[in-house]
Amino acid sequence: MKQKAAVRAEELWSKLSHIRPDGTSYNTTDSGYAETMAVLPAFYVLGGYDSIDGGMGAHLVYRSDTGVVSYAQTAQSAVNELMTCDALHRDTELNTWAHYSEAGFNFAPDGSGRMAQLFQY
């Protein structure tokens, strides 16, 4: 599942949608998965989300001792974004139906990123 989440995070660069570039969807009963996505850095606004430099919502968190990205803290910032953007994303994050979930990240050289979190039914 970790590999699937990493693939989804990479796919989000070419198509930022729950519909995958090949036309299929992880958000269907037949797929066995549900997903949430986050764009880093970003914040949600009415009708969608918008990216800003170093702003609100999901953001990259760097470890001050090494200067590299802290994946755990960056994932936490994405979860915080998804918990507060709307009821559907919050309910997905707080689900009781998933056996387990995995998050995958893909970063660009400028530090921006895409995150996909998959939940297995």
Protein backbone atom coordinates (compact mmCIF):
# COMPACT_ATOMS: atom_id res chain seq x y z
CA MET A 1 0.00 0.00 0.00
CA LYS A 2 2.93 2.34 0.67
CA GLN A 3 4.06 1.87 -2.94
CA LYS A 4 0.54 2.62 -4.23
CA ALA A 5 0.44 5.84 -2.16
CA ALA A 6 3.83 6.89 -3.56
CA VAL A 7 2.58 6.27 -7.11
CA ARG A 8 -0.56 8.34 -6.43
CA ALA A 9 1.52 11.23 -5.02
CA GLU A 10 3.60 11.25 -8.21
CA GLU A 11 0.49 11.05 -10.42
CA LEU A 12 -0.92 14.18 -8.77
CA TRP A 13 1.69 16.30 -10.58
CA SER A 14 0.13 15.40 -13.94
CA LYS A 15 -3.52 15.30 -12.82
CA LEU A 16 -4.56 16.82 -9.49
CA SER A 17 -7.78 14.86 -9.16
CA HIS A 18 -9.26 11.77 -7.56
CA ILE A 19 -9.48 10.50 -11.14
CA ARG A 20 -6.09 9.02 -12.02
CA PRO A 21 -4.28 9.93 -15.26
CA ASP A 22 -5.44 6.58 -16.75
CA GLY A 23 -9.10 7.48 -16.06
CA THR A 24 -9.65 5.17 -13.06
CA SER A 25 -10.44 6.27 -9.52
CA TYR A 26 -9.27 5.18 -6.09
CA ASN A 27 -12.49 6.60 -4.64
CA THR A 28 -14.77 3.81 -5.79
CA THR A 29 -16.11 0.80 -3.93
CA ASP A 30 -14.66 -1.51 -6.59
CA SER A 31 -11.12 -0.19 -6.10
CA GLY A 32 -10.97 -1.25 -2.44
CA TYR A 33 -9.44 2.14 -1.54
CA ALA A 34 -10.40 5.67 -0.63
CA GLU A 35 -7.97 8.56 -0.71
CA THR A 36 -7.24 12.06 0.42
CA MET A 37 -4.77 14.41 -1.26
CA ALA A 38 -2.82 17.48 -0.19
CA VAL A 39 -0.75 20.04 -2.05
CA LEU A 40 2.21 21.50 -0.19
CA PRO A 41 2.29 24.38 0.61
CA ALA A 42 -1.43 25.07 0.35
CA PHE A 43 -4.53 26.22 2.10
CA TYR A 44 -8.18 25.55 1.36
CA VAL A 45 -10.47 28.34 0.22
CA LEU A 46 -14.11 28.36 -0.84
CA GLY A 47 -14.37 26.25 -3.99
CA GLY A 48 -10.98 24.57 -3.73
CA TYR A 49 -7.47 25.27 -2.54
CA ASP A 50 -4.74 27.72 -3.38
CA SER A 51 -0.97 27.47 -3.04
CA ILE A 52 1.02 30.14 -1.28
CA ASP A 53 4.64 30.49 -0.25
CA GLY A 54 5.14 29.43 3.34
CA GLY A 55 1.52 30.03 4.25
CA MET A 56 -1.24 28.21 5.99
CA GLY A 57 -2.52 24.65 5.78
CA ALA A 58 -0.23 21.83 4.69
CA HIS A 59 3.41 22.79 4.72
CA LEU A 60 6.85 21.23 4.66
CA VAL A 61 8.48 20.91 8.05
CA TYR A 62 12.28 20.85 8.19
CA ARG A 63 14.33 19.35 11.00
CA SER A 64 16.44 22.17 12.37
CA ASP A 65 19.28 19.81 13.34
CA THR A 66 19.75 18.36 9.83
CA GLY A 67 17.96 20.77 7.48
CA VAL A 68 16.05 17.92 5.81
CA VAL A 69 12.31 17.42 5.60
CA SER A 70 10.67 15.77 8.59
CA TYR A 71 8.21 13.44 6.88
CA ALA A 72 6.30 12.75 10.10
CA GLN A 73 5.74 16.44 10.85
CA THR A 74 4.99 17.25 7.19
CA ALA A 75 2.40 14.44 7.17
CA GLN A 76 0.92 15.87 10.36
CA SER A 77 0.55 19.28 8.68
CA ALA A 78 -1.27 17.60 5.76
CA VAL A 79 -3.58 15.73 8.15
CA ASN A 80 -4.33 19.01 9.94
CA GLU A 81 -5.23 20.57 6.59
CA LEU A 82 -7.50 17.67 5.65
CA MET A 83 -9.17 17.69 9.09
CA THR A 84 -10.17 21.34 8.78
CA CYS A 85 -10.92 21.96 5.08
CA ASP A 86 -14.41 20.38 4.97
CA ALA A 87 -16.62 17.67 6.48
CA LEU A 88 -15.97 15.05 3.76
CA HIS A 89 -12.19 15.16 4.21
CA ARG A 90 -12.52 15.22 8.01
CA ASP A 91 -14.89 12.23 7.96
CA THR A 92 -12.50 10.31 5.69
CA GLU A 93 -9.58 11.00 8.04
CA LEU A 94 -11.64 9.91 11.06
CA ASN A 95 -13.15 6.86 9.36
CA THR A 96 -13.92 3.62 11.17
CA TRP A 97 -14.13 1.56 7.98
CA ALA A 98 -10.49 1.40 6.87
CA HIS A 99 -8.27 -1.50 7.90
CA TYR A 100 -5.20 0.72 7.56
CA SER A 101 -3.81 3.66 5.59
CA GLU A 102 -0.55 4.85 4.09
CA ALA A 103 0.63 8.27 2.97
CA GLY A 104 2.95 8.91 0.04
CA PHE A 105 4.83 12.12 -0.80
CA ASN A 106 6.46 13.43 -3.96
CA PHE A 107 8.53 16.64 -3.89
CA ALA A 108 9.73 19.04 -6.59
CA PRO A 109 13.15 20.73 -6.47
CA ASP A 110 11.53 23.98 -5.26
CA GLY A 111 10.24 22.20 -2.13
CA SER A 112 6.61 22.02 -3.20
CA GLY A 113 4.98 18.64 -2.87
CA ARG A 114 2.04 16.35 -3.38
CA MET A 115 0.67 13.95 -0.77
CA ALA A 116 -1.73 11.07 -1.29
CA GLN A 117 -3.14 9.08 1.61
CA LEU A 118 -4.83 5.79 0.75
CA PHE A 119 -7.27 3.94 3.00
CA GLN A 120 -7.95 0.26 2.37
CA TYR A 121 -11.57 -0.87 2.80
